[in-house]
Amino acid sequence: MALKGKRVLLADFDPQCNLTGMVMGFKGVDDLAAIYSGTPPNNIKDGLAPAFESQPRQIAPVECVQVSGTITCFFCRGTLDWPNTKRP
């Protein structure tokens, strides 16, 4: 779809972050750890934290990454600790 000029958003909800690793060209878990050191919200969990943690604030927009080699395909990173998110 992106190659046909349509805007595409890929979102990684997999707790192993397979899509994140594949899109960003990572070789292992250590590569994934580097992206979580940025200022939130830079992944799905950061953006949805207010809903999952009953925080009294709005859900924040998440920084999406443009997929390399495309103009209209963007990617929302996953997080390795998604299954550990505490729910009220």
Protein backbone atom coordinates (compact mmCIF):
# COMPACT_ATOMS: atom_id res chain seq x y z
CA MET A 1 0.00 0.00 0.00
CA ALA A 2 2.81 2.40 0.88
CA LEU A 3 4.41 1.75 -2.51
CA LYS A 4 1.13 2.89 -4.09
CA GLY A 5 1.30 6.19 -2.19
CA LYS A 6 -1.15 5.29 0.60
CA ARG A 7 -0.25 6.26 4.14
CA VAL A 8 0.46 3.18 6.26
CA LEU A 9 0.98 2.84 10.00
CA LEU A 10 2.55 -0.33 11.38
CA ALA A 11 2.13 -0.88 15.14
CA ASP A 12 3.98 -3.55 17.11
CA PHE A 13 1.86 -5.07 19.88
CA ASP A 14 3.92 -8.27 20.04
CA PRO A 15 5.65 -8.61 23.46
CA GLN A 16 8.79 -9.95 21.75
CA CYS A 17 8.96 -6.88 19.46
CA ASN A 18 9.58 -8.95 16.34
CA LEU A 19 8.17 -6.25 14.04
CA THR A 20 10.19 -3.54 15.82
CA GLY A 21 13.40 -5.51 15.36
CA MET A 22 12.65 -6.33 11.74
CA VAL A 23 11.67 -2.79 10.68
CA MET A 24 14.56 -1.15 12.51
CA GLY A 25 17.13 -3.77 11.44
CA PHE A 26 18.09 -4.95 14.90
CA LYS A 27 20.20 -8.05 15.47
CA GLY A 28 19.29 -8.76 19.12
CA VAL A 29 17.72 -7.65 22.40
CA ASP A 30 20.57 -5.24 23.16
CA ASP A 31 19.67 -3.26 20.05
CA LEU A 32 16.07 -2.96 21.26
CA ALA A 33 17.15 -1.67 24.67
CA ALA A 34 18.74 1.41 23.10
CA ILE A 35 15.43 2.75 21.76
CA TYR A 36 13.82 2.73 25.21
CA SER A 37 16.32 5.17 26.67
CA GLY A 38 14.69 8.11 24.86
CA THR A 39 12.19 10.52 26.32
CA PRO A 40 8.70 8.97 26.42
CA PRO A 41 6.40 8.51 24.71
CA ASN A 42 8.43 6.62 22.12
CA ASN A 43 6.58 3.30 22.07
CA ILE A 44 3.09 1.84 22.41
CA LYS A 45 3.27 1.32 26.17
CA ASP A 46 4.42 4.90 26.82
CA GLY A 47 1.56 6.30 24.79
CA LEU A 48 -1.11 4.15 26.42
CA ALA A 49 0.28 4.32 29.99
CA PRO A 50 -2.43 6.73 31.21
CA ALA A 51 -5.14 4.22 30.29
CA PHE A 52 -3.37 1.13 31.63
CA GLU A 53 -2.05 2.76 34.80
CA SER A 54 -5.11 4.89 35.63
CA GLN A 55 -3.08 8.08 35.43
CA PRO A 56 -5.03 11.34 35.53
CA ARG A 57 -3.78 12.62 32.16
CA GLN A 58 -4.61 12.25 28.51
CA ILE A 59 -3.14 9.56 26.31
CA ALA A 60 -0.11 11.12 24.63
CA PRO A 61 0.81 10.86 20.96
CA VAL A 62 3.58 8.38 20.27
CA GLU A 63 6.57 9.27 18.12
CA CYS A 64 6.38 7.15 14.97
CA VAL A 65 9.41 6.34 12.87
CA GLN A 66 9.41 6.58 9.09
CA VAL A 67 10.18 3.16 7.63
CA SER A 68 13.46 3.26 5.73
CA GLY A 69 13.07 3.40 1.97
CA THR A 70 9.48 4.69 2.09
CA ILE A 71 7.79 8.07 2.14
CA THR A 72 4.34 7.12 3.43
CA CYS A 73 4.98 4.16 5.77
CA PHE A 74 5.42 4.85 9.48
CA PHE A 75 6.04 2.58 12.42
CA CYS A 76 5.06 2.65 16.09
CA ARG A 77 7.58 0.74 18.20
CA GLY A 78 6.66 -2.07 20.53
CA THR A 79 8.03 -2.60 24.02
CA LEU A 80 9.57 -5.69 25.62
CA ASP A 81 7.74 -5.14 28.91
CA TRP A 82 4.22 -4.86 27.42
CA PRO A 83 3.03 -8.07 29.18
CA ASN A 84 4.25 -6.65 32.50
CA THR A 85 1.97 -3.63 32.30
CA LYS A 86 -0.14 -3.57 35.43
CA ARG A 87 -3.83 -3.10 34.89
CA PRO A 88 -6.11 -1.58 37.52
